[in-house]
Amino acid sequence: MARKINSKNKKINRISKLRKKQYPTFQLAVVLAAVLILEGALFLSSNRADWQKAVGVLDMSGEISVTVQNMSLAFQPMIETAQDVNMFYQEATTQMMQLLDLDGTGVGSEFVYIYNGVYDFYQQSSGQLAAIFDVSNSLPFFPAAGTPNSR
């Protein structure tokens, strides 16, 4: 047991000795001064054209519109699917209304209760699915070339 503790202490002592590399303050000051002088020389040697060229290299404003357009093209299938699901629920609601139209039949209130429940289900589900899949507020629509909406 004492051997394990001694070996652990030796490892800790070796690690702490390796980490304790302390440089004298004047060496750090010389390195800092050299870096600052080099930086100052770099700033003073550059002219206006160099700065404009550097800003031109870092300018991403043109790529942002391309990225937005690519995102809209990537989300277009999801938008179309949401529209198709919404259309399905609207058509299903219309057909269920025709099937369960009980105005002139004189049938009991049970069917009216079922009809109202099914009708409310389709109304709520079509609205909720449209809200779930609606990304029109978060992503501008850029139609792809060759689509009917493009000019």
N, C-alpha and C. Protein backbone atom coordinates (compact mmCIF):
# COMPACT_ATOMS: atom_id res chain seq x y z
N MET A 1 0.82 -1.19 0.00
CA MET A 1 0.00 0.00 0.00
C MET A 1 0.86 1.25 0.00
N ALA A 2 1.94 1.19 0.81
CA ALA A 2 2.84 2.34 0.88
C ALA A 2 3.55 2.55 -0.44
N ARG A 3 3.80 1.45 -1.17
CA ARG A 3 4.45 1.57 -2.48
C ARG A 3 3.57 2.31 -3.48
N LYS A 4 2.27 2.02 -3.46
CA LYS A 4 1.34 2.69 -4.37
C LYS A 4 1.31 4.19 -4.09
N ILE A 5 1.28 4.54 -2.84
CA ILE A 5 1.24 5.96 -2.46
C ILE A 5 2.52 6.64 -2.89
N ASN A 6 3.69 5.99 -2.66
CA ASN A 6 4.96 6.58 -3.06
C ASN A 6 5.05 6.74 -4.57
N SER A 7 4.56 5.75 -5.34
CA SER A 7 4.61 5.87 -6.80
C SER A 7 3.68 6.97 -7.28
N LYS A 8 2.54 7.14 -6.63
CA LYS A 8 1.63 8.22 -7.01
C LYS A 8 2.26 9.57 -6.70
N ASN A 9 2.91 9.67 -5.55
CA ASN A 9 3.57 10.93 -5.19
C ASN A 9 4.67 11.27 -6.17
N LYS A 10 5.43 10.25 -6.62
CA LYS A 10 6.49 10.50 -7.59
C LYS A 10 5.91 10.99 -8.91
N LYS A 11 4.79 10.41 -9.34
CA LYS A 11 4.15 10.84 -10.60
C LYS A 11 3.66 12.28 -10.47
N ILE A 12 3.07 12.61 -9.34
CA ILE A 12 2.57 13.96 -9.13
C ILE A 12 3.72 14.95 -9.11
N ASN A 13 4.83 14.57 -8.46
CA ASN A 13 6.00 15.45 -8.42
C ASN A 13 6.58 15.67 -9.82
N ARG A 14 6.62 14.60 -10.65
CA ARG A 14 7.13 14.75 -12.01
C ARG A 14 6.24 15.67 -12.84
N ILE A 15 4.94 15.49 -12.70
CA ILE A 15 4.00 16.32 -13.46
C ILE A 15 4.10 17.77 -13.02
N SER A 16 4.18 18.02 -11.73
CA SER A 16 4.26 19.40 -11.26
C SER A 16 5.58 20.04 -11.66
N LYS A 17 6.66 19.27 -11.73
CA LYS A 17 7.93 19.83 -12.18
C LYS A 17 7.88 20.20 -13.66
N LEU A 18 7.18 19.39 -14.44
CA LEU A 18 7.06 19.69 -15.87
C LEU A 18 6.22 20.95 -16.10
N ARG A 19 5.23 21.17 -15.31
CA ARG A 19 4.33 22.31 -15.49
C ARG A 19 4.92 23.62 -14.96
N LYS A 20 5.91 23.57 -14.14
CA LYS A 20 6.44 24.77 -13.50
C LYS A 20 7.50 25.46 -14.34
N LYS A 21 7.32 25.57 -15.63
CA LYS A 21 8.26 26.30 -16.47
C LYS A 21 7.91 27.77 -16.38
N GLN A 22 8.66 28.50 -15.63
CA GLN A 22 8.41 29.93 -15.47
C GLN A 22 9.53 30.70 -16.13
N TYR A 23 9.12 31.60 -17.02
CA TYR A 23 10.10 32.44 -17.70
C TYR A 23 10.31 33.71 -16.90
N PRO A 24 11.49 34.26 -16.98
CA PRO A 24 11.71 35.54 -16.31
C PRO A 24 10.87 36.64 -16.95
N THR A 25 10.51 37.61 -16.16
CA THR A 25 9.62 38.68 -16.61
C THR A 25 10.22 39.48 -17.75
N PHE A 26 11.51 39.74 -17.73
CA PHE A 26 12.11 40.56 -18.78
C PHE A 26 12.05 39.85 -20.14
N GLN A 27 12.12 38.49 -20.15
CA GLN A 27 11.99 37.78 -21.43
C GLN A 27 10.60 37.93 -21.99
N LEU A 28 9.60 37.82 -21.16
CA LEU A 28 8.21 38.01 -21.62
C LEU A 28 7.98 39.44 -22.10
N ALA A 29 8.59 40.41 -21.42
CA ALA A 29 8.45 41.80 -21.83
C ALA A 29 9.12 42.03 -23.18
N VAL A 30 10.25 41.42 -23.43
CA VAL A 30 10.96 41.56 -24.71
C VAL A 30 10.12 40.95 -25.83
N VAL A 31 9.55 39.78 -25.60
CA VAL A 31 8.71 39.13 -26.61
C VAL A 31 7.48 39.99 -26.90
N LEU A 32 6.83 40.50 -25.89
CA LEU A 32 5.66 41.36 -26.08
C LEU A 32 6.02 42.62 -26.84
N ALA A 33 7.12 43.23 -26.50
CA ALA A 33 7.55 44.45 -27.20
C ALA A 33 7.85 44.15 -28.66
N ALA A 34 8.49 43.02 -28.94
CA ALA A 34 8.80 42.66 -30.33
C ALA A 34 7.52 42.45 -31.13
N VAL A 35 6.55 41.78 -30.54
CA VAL A 35 5.27 41.56 -31.24
C VAL A 35 4.57 42.88 -31.49
N LEU A 36 4.55 43.77 -30.54
CA LEU A 36 3.89 45.07 -30.73
C LEU A 36 4.60 45.91 -31.78
N ILE A 37 5.94 45.89 -31.80
CA ILE A 37 6.69 46.64 -32.81
C ILE A 37 6.42 46.06 -34.19
N LEU A 38 6.38 44.75 -34.32
CA LEU A 38 6.08 44.11 -35.60
C LEU A 38 4.67 44.46 -36.06
N GLU A 39 3.73 44.43 -35.15
CA GLU A 39 2.35 44.79 -35.48
C GLU A 39 2.25 46.24 -35.92
N GLY A 40 2.93 47.14 -35.21
CA GLY A 40 2.92 48.55 -35.60
C GLY A 40 3.54 48.76 -36.96
N ALA A 41 4.63 48.05 -37.25
CA ALA A 41 5.26 48.17 -38.57
C ALA A 41 4.33 47.67 -39.66
N LEU A 42 3.60 46.61 -39.38
CA LEU A 42 2.64 46.07 -40.36
C LEU A 42 1.53 47.07 -40.65
N PHE A 43 1.00 47.69 -39.60
CA PHE A 43 -0.06 48.69 -39.80
C PHE A 43 0.46 49.92 -40.53
N LEU A 44 1.66 50.35 -40.23
CA LEU A 44 2.19 51.55 -40.86
C LEU A 44 2.62 51.32 -42.30
N SER A 45 3.00 50.10 -42.65
CA SER A 45 3.46 49.83 -44.01
C SER A 45 2.31 49.60 -44.99
N SER A 46 1.12 49.31 -44.49
CA SER A 46 0.00 49.07 -45.39
C SER A 46 -0.66 50.39 -45.78
N ASN A 47 -1.18 50.41 -47.00
CA ASN A 47 -1.86 51.61 -47.48
C ASN A 47 -3.36 51.34 -47.62
N ARG A 48 -4.08 52.34 -48.08
CA ARG A 48 -5.54 52.25 -48.17
C ARG A 48 -5.99 51.13 -49.11
N ALA A 49 -5.29 50.96 -50.21
CA ALA A 49 -5.66 49.91 -51.17
C ALA A 49 -5.54 48.52 -50.55
N ASP A 50 -4.50 48.33 -49.70
CA ASP A 50 -4.35 47.04 -49.03
C ASP A 50 -5.52 46.75 -48.10
N TRP A 51 -5.96 47.77 -47.37
CA TRP A 51 -7.09 47.60 -46.45
C TRP A 51 -8.38 47.31 -47.22
N GLN A 52 -8.56 48.00 -48.35
CA GLN A 52 -9.76 47.75 -49.15
C GLN A 52 -9.75 46.34 -49.72
N LYS A 53 -8.58 45.89 -50.15
CA LYS A 53 -8.47 44.53 -50.67
C LYS A 53 -8.78 43.51 -49.58
N ALA A 54 -8.28 43.76 -48.36
CA ALA A 54 -8.54 42.85 -47.24
C ALA A 54 -10.02 42.81 -46.89
N VAL A 55 -10.67 43.96 -46.92
CA VAL A 55 -12.11 44.00 -46.65
C VAL A 55 -12.87 43.27 -47.76
N GLY A 56 -12.40 43.41 -48.99
CA GLY A 56 -13.04 42.70 -50.11
C GLY A 56 -12.93 41.19 -49.97
N VAL A 57 -11.81 40.72 -49.44
CA VAL A 57 -11.64 39.28 -49.25
C VAL A 57 -12.59 38.77 -48.17
N LEU A 58 -12.81 39.55 -47.14
CA LEU A 58 -13.65 39.13 -46.02
C LEU A 58 -15.13 39.44 -46.22
N ASP A 59 -15.49 40.10 -47.31
CA ASP A 59 -16.88 40.50 -47.54
C ASP A 59 -17.72 39.28 -47.92
N MET A 60 -18.78 39.03 -47.16
CA MET A 60 -19.65 37.88 -47.39
C MET A 60 -21.07 38.30 -47.77
N SER A 61 -21.30 39.58 -48.07
CA SER A 61 -22.66 40.04 -48.31
C SER A 61 -23.29 39.38 -49.53
N GLY A 62 -22.52 39.12 -50.57
CA GLY A 62 -23.09 38.47 -51.76
C GLY A 62 -23.44 37.02 -51.51
N GLU A 63 -22.70 36.37 -50.65
CA GLU A 63 -22.94 34.95 -50.38
C GLU A 63 -24.16 34.74 -49.48
N ILE A 64 -24.54 35.74 -48.74
CA ILE A 64 -25.70 35.58 -47.86
C ILE A 64 -26.97 35.38 -48.68
N SER A 65 -27.13 36.15 -49.76
CA SER A 65 -28.33 35.98 -50.58
C SER A 65 -28.33 34.62 -51.27
N VAL A 66 -27.15 34.13 -51.66
CA VAL A 66 -27.07 32.79 -52.26
C VAL A 66 -27.44 31.73 -51.23
N THR A 67 -26.98 31.91 -50.00
CA THR A 67 -27.30 30.96 -48.94
C THR A 67 -28.80 30.94 -48.65
N VAL A 68 -29.41 32.10 -48.61
CA VAL A 68 -30.86 32.17 -48.38
C VAL A 68 -31.60 31.49 -49.51
N GLN A 69 -31.16 31.70 -50.74
CA GLN A 69 -31.82 31.07 -51.89
C GLN A 69 -31.64 29.55 -51.83
N ASN A 70 -30.46 29.09 -51.48
CA ASN A 70 -30.23 27.65 -51.36
C ASN A 70 -31.08 27.04 -50.25
N MET A 71 -31.24 27.77 -49.14
CA MET A 71 -32.08 27.28 -48.05
C MET A 71 -33.54 27.17 -48.50
N SER A 72 -34.00 28.15 -49.25
CA SER A 72 -35.39 28.09 -49.71
C SER A 72 -35.59 26.92 -50.67
N LEU A 73 -34.59 26.66 -51.51
CA LEU A 73 -34.70 25.50 -52.41
C LEU A 73 -34.66 24.19 -51.62
N ALA A 74 -33.88 24.16 -50.55
CA ALA A 74 -33.80 22.95 -49.74
C ALA A 74 -35.10 22.68 -49.00
N PHE A 75 -35.78 23.75 -48.56
CA PHE A 75 -37.03 23.58 -47.81
C PHE A 75 -38.26 23.52 -48.71
N GLN A 76 -38.09 23.71 -50.01
CA GLN A 76 -39.24 23.73 -50.92
C GLN A 76 -40.03 22.41 -50.88
N PRO A 77 -39.40 21.22 -50.87
CA PRO A 77 -40.20 19.99 -50.79
C PRO A 77 -41.04 19.92 -49.51
N MET A 78 -40.49 20.38 -48.39
CA MET A 78 -41.24 20.36 -47.14
C MET A 78 -42.44 21.31 -47.21
N ILE A 79 -42.24 22.48 -47.82
CA ILE A 79 -43.34 23.44 -47.96
C ILE A 79 -44.43 22.86 -48.84
N GLU A 80 -44.04 22.22 -49.94
CA GLU A 80 -45.03 21.60 -50.83
C GLU A 80 -45.77 20.47 -50.12
N THR A 81 -45.06 19.69 -49.32
CA THR A 81 -45.70 18.61 -48.57
C THR A 81 -46.72 19.16 -47.58
N ALA A 82 -46.36 20.24 -46.90
CA ALA A 82 -47.29 20.84 -45.95
C ALA A 82 -48.53 21.36 -46.67
N GLN A 83 -48.34 21.96 -47.83
CA GLN A 83 -49.49 22.44 -48.59
C GLN A 83 -50.37 21.28 -49.05
N ASP A 84 -49.74 20.18 -49.48
CA ASP A 84 -50.51 19.01 -49.93
C ASP A 84 -51.27 18.37 -48.76
N VAL A 85 -50.64 18.29 -47.60
CA VAL A 85 -51.32 17.73 -46.42
C VAL A 85 -52.50 18.62 -46.03
N ASN A 86 -52.30 19.91 -46.08
CA ASN A 86 -53.39 20.84 -45.77
C ASN A 86 -54.54 20.68 -46.77
N MET A 87 -54.21 20.55 -48.05
CA MET A 87 -55.25 20.36 -49.06
C MET A 87 -55.99 19.04 -48.83
N PHE A 88 -55.25 17.98 -48.46
CA PHE A 88 -55.88 16.70 -48.17
C PHE A 88 -56.90 16.83 -47.04
N TYR A 89 -56.50 17.48 -45.96
CA TYR A 89 -57.43 17.61 -44.84
C TYR A 89 -58.63 18.48 -45.19
N GLN A 90 -58.43 19.48 -46.00
CA GLN A 90 -59.58 20.30 -46.41
C GLN A 90 -60.54 19.49 -47.27
N GLU A 91 -60.00 18.71 -48.21
CA GLU A 91 -60.86 17.87 -49.05
C GLU A 91 -61.53 16.77 -48.23
N ALA A 92 -60.78 16.19 -47.29
CA ALA A 92 -61.36 15.15 -46.44
C ALA A 92 -62.49 15.72 -45.58
N THR A 93 -62.32 16.94 -45.12
CA THR A 93 -63.36 17.59 -44.33
C THR A 93 -64.61 17.81 -45.18
N THR A 94 -64.40 18.27 -46.40
CA THR A 94 -65.54 18.50 -47.30
C THR A 94 -66.28 17.19 -47.59
N GLN A 95 -65.55 16.13 -47.87
CA GLN A 95 -66.18 14.84 -48.16
C GLN A 95 -66.89 14.27 -46.93
N MET A 96 -66.29 14.42 -45.76
CA MET A 96 -66.95 13.93 -44.55
C MET A 96 -68.22 14.72 -44.26
N MET A 97 -68.20 16.01 -44.57
CA MET A 97 -69.41 16.81 -44.38
C MET A 97 -70.53 16.31 -45.29
N GLN A 98 -70.18 15.95 -46.53
CA GLN A 98 -71.20 15.43 -47.44
C GLN A 98 -71.70 14.05 -47.00
N LEU A 99 -70.79 13.21 -46.52
CA LEU A 99 -71.19 11.87 -46.08
C LEU A 99 -72.06 11.92 -44.84
N LEU A 100 -71.74 12.81 -43.94
CA LEU A 100 -72.44 12.84 -42.66
C LEU A 100 -73.49 13.94 -42.59
N ASP A 101 -73.91 14.46 -43.73
CA ASP A 101 -74.93 15.50 -43.73
C ASP A 101 -76.27 14.87 -43.36
N LEU A 102 -76.76 15.23 -42.19
CA LEU A 102 -77.96 14.57 -41.65
C LEU A 102 -79.12 15.55 -41.48
N ASP A 103 -79.10 16.64 -42.20
CA ASP A 103 -80.14 17.65 -42.00
C ASP A 103 -81.54 17.12 -42.34
N GLY A 104 -81.70 16.46 -43.47
CA GLY A 104 -83.04 16.05 -43.89
C GLY A 104 -83.40 14.63 -43.57
N THR A 105 -82.59 13.89 -42.87
CA THR A 105 -82.85 12.47 -42.67
C THR A 105 -83.67 12.16 -41.44
N GLY A 106 -83.69 13.03 -40.46
CA GLY A 106 -84.45 12.77 -39.25
C GLY A 106 -83.82 11.72 -38.35
N VAL A 107 -82.56 11.46 -38.53
CA VAL A 107 -81.86 10.47 -37.72
C VAL A 107 -81.58 11.07 -36.34
N GLY A 108 -81.38 10.23 -35.34
CA GLY A 108 -81.21 10.66 -33.96
C GLY A 108 -79.98 11.51 -33.70
N SER A 109 -79.90 11.99 -32.50
CA SER A 109 -78.86 12.93 -32.12
C SER A 109 -77.48 12.27 -32.02
N GLU A 110 -77.42 10.92 -31.96
CA GLU A 110 -76.13 10.25 -31.89
C GLU A 110 -75.29 10.53 -33.14
N PHE A 111 -75.95 10.48 -34.29
CA PHE A 111 -75.22 10.73 -35.53
C PHE A 111 -74.77 12.18 -35.63
N VAL A 112 -75.58 13.08 -35.15
CA VAL A 112 -75.21 14.49 -35.16
C VAL A 112 -74.00 14.70 -34.25
N TYR A 113 -74.00 14.01 -33.12
CA TYR A 113 -72.87 14.11 -32.19
C TYR A 113 -71.58 13.58 -32.84
N ILE A 114 -71.67 12.44 -33.51
CA ILE A 114 -70.51 11.86 -34.21
C ILE A 114 -70.06 12.79 -35.33
N TYR A 115 -71.02 13.28 -36.08
CA TYR A 115 -70.69 14.19 -37.18
C TYR A 115 -69.94 15.42 -36.67
N ASN A 116 -70.44 16.02 -35.62
CA ASN A 116 -69.77 17.21 -35.07
C ASN A 116 -68.37 16.88 -34.57
N GLY A 117 -68.20 15.74 -33.95
CA GLY A 117 -66.88 15.34 -33.46
C GLY A 117 -65.89 15.13 -34.59
N VAL A 118 -66.32 14.43 -35.64
CA VAL A 118 -65.43 14.20 -36.78
C VAL A 118 -65.12 15.50 -37.49
N TYR A 119 -66.12 16.33 -37.67
CA TYR A 119 -65.92 17.63 -38.33
C TYR A 119 -64.92 18.48 -37.53
N ASP A 120 -65.10 18.55 -36.21
CA ASP A 120 -64.16 19.32 -35.38
C ASP A 120 -62.74 18.75 -35.44
N PHE A 121 -62.64 17.42 -35.48
CA PHE A 121 -61.31 16.80 -35.58
C PHE A 121 -60.61 17.24 -36.86
N TYR A 122 -61.28 17.15 -37.98
CA TYR A 122 -60.64 17.52 -39.24
C TYR A 122 -60.33 19.02 -39.30
N GLN A 123 -61.18 19.83 -38.76
CA GLN A 123 -60.90 21.28 -38.75
C GLN A 123 -59.66 21.58 -37.91
N GLN A 124 -59.61 21.00 -36.72
CA GLN A 124 -58.46 21.26 -35.84
C GLN A 124 -57.17 20.67 -36.40
N SER A 125 -57.25 19.45 -36.93
CA SER A 125 -56.03 18.83 -37.44
C SER A 125 -55.50 19.55 -38.66
N SER A 126 -56.38 20.02 -39.54
CA SER A 126 -55.87 20.75 -40.72
C SER A 126 -55.23 22.07 -40.29
N GLY A 127 -55.81 22.74 -39.34
CA GLY A 127 -55.20 23.99 -38.86
C GLY A 127 -53.89 23.77 -38.15
N GLN A 128 -53.83 22.73 -37.31
CA GLN A 128 -52.60 22.46 -36.57
C GLN A 128 -51.48 21.99 -37.48
N LEU A 129 -51.79 21.14 -38.46
CA LEU A 129 -50.74 20.69 -39.37
C LEU A 129 -50.25 21.84 -40.24
N ALA A 130 -51.13 22.70 -40.65
CA ALA A 130 -50.69 23.87 -41.43
C ALA A 130 -49.78 24.75 -40.59
N ALA A 131 -50.09 24.90 -39.31
CA ALA A 131 -49.23 25.71 -38.44
C ALA A 131 -47.90 25.04 -38.18
N ILE A 132 -47.89 23.72 -38.06
CA ILE A 132 -46.64 23.00 -37.81
C ILE A 132 -45.69 23.12 -39.00
N PHE A 133 -46.21 22.94 -40.19
CA PHE A 133 -45.37 22.94 -41.38
C PHE A 133 -45.16 24.32 -41.99
N ASP A 134 -45.76 25.35 -41.43
CA ASP A 134 -45.65 26.68 -42.00
C ASP A 134 -44.29 27.29 -41.66
N VAL A 135 -43.46 27.50 -42.68
CA VAL A 135 -42.15 28.14 -42.50
C VAL A 135 -42.09 29.44 -43.28
N SER A 136 -43.23 29.93 -43.72
CA SER A 136 -43.24 31.12 -44.56
C SER A 136 -42.78 32.36 -43.80
N ASN A 137 -42.98 32.40 -42.48
CA ASN A 137 -42.53 33.56 -41.71
C ASN A 137 -41.04 33.52 -41.44
N SER A 138 -40.44 32.34 -41.44
CA SER A 138 -39.02 32.25 -41.09
C SER A 138 -38.10 32.15 -42.28
N LEU A 139 -38.62 31.96 -43.49
CA LEU A 139 -37.76 31.79 -44.65
C LEU A 139 -38.39 32.48 -45.85
N PRO A 140 -37.67 33.40 -46.50
CA PRO A 140 -38.24 34.05 -47.69
C PRO A 140 -38.32 33.05 -48.83
N PHE A 141 -39.30 33.20 -49.68
CA PHE A 141 -39.51 32.28 -50.78
C PHE A 141 -38.88 32.85 -52.03
N PHE A 142 -37.92 32.11 -52.59
CA PHE A 142 -37.33 32.45 -53.87
C PHE A 142 -37.64 31.31 -54.81
N PRO A 143 -38.54 31.52 -55.78
CA PRO A 143 -38.89 30.41 -56.67
C PRO A 143 -37.70 30.02 -57.54
N ALA A 144 -37.58 28.75 -57.81
CA ALA A 144 -36.51 28.25 -58.64
C ALA A 144 -36.76 28.64 -60.10
N ALA A 145 -35.71 28.73 -60.87
CA ALA A 145 -35.83 29.09 -62.28
C ALA A 145 -36.65 28.00 -62.99
N GLY A 146 -37.58 28.42 -63.80
CA GLY A 146 -38.39 27.47 -64.56
C GLY A 146 -39.70 27.13 -63.87
N THR A 147 -39.95 27.58 -62.66
CA THR A 147 -41.21 27.33 -61.99
C THR A 147 -42.21 28.38 -62.44
N PRO A 148 -43.50 28.11 -62.29
CA PRO A 148 -44.50 29.07 -62.76
C PRO A 148 -44.44 30.42 -62.04
N ASN A 149 -43.93 30.47 -60.80
CA ASN A 149 -43.89 31.70 -60.06
C ASN A 149 -42.68 32.56 -60.38
N SER A 150 -41.67 32.01 -61.10
CA SER A 150 -40.46 32.78 -61.39
C SER A 150 -40.69 33.68 -62.60
N ARG A 151 -39.91 34.74 -62.65
CA ARG A 151 -40.09 35.68 -63.77
C ARG A 151 -38.86 35.72 -64.60
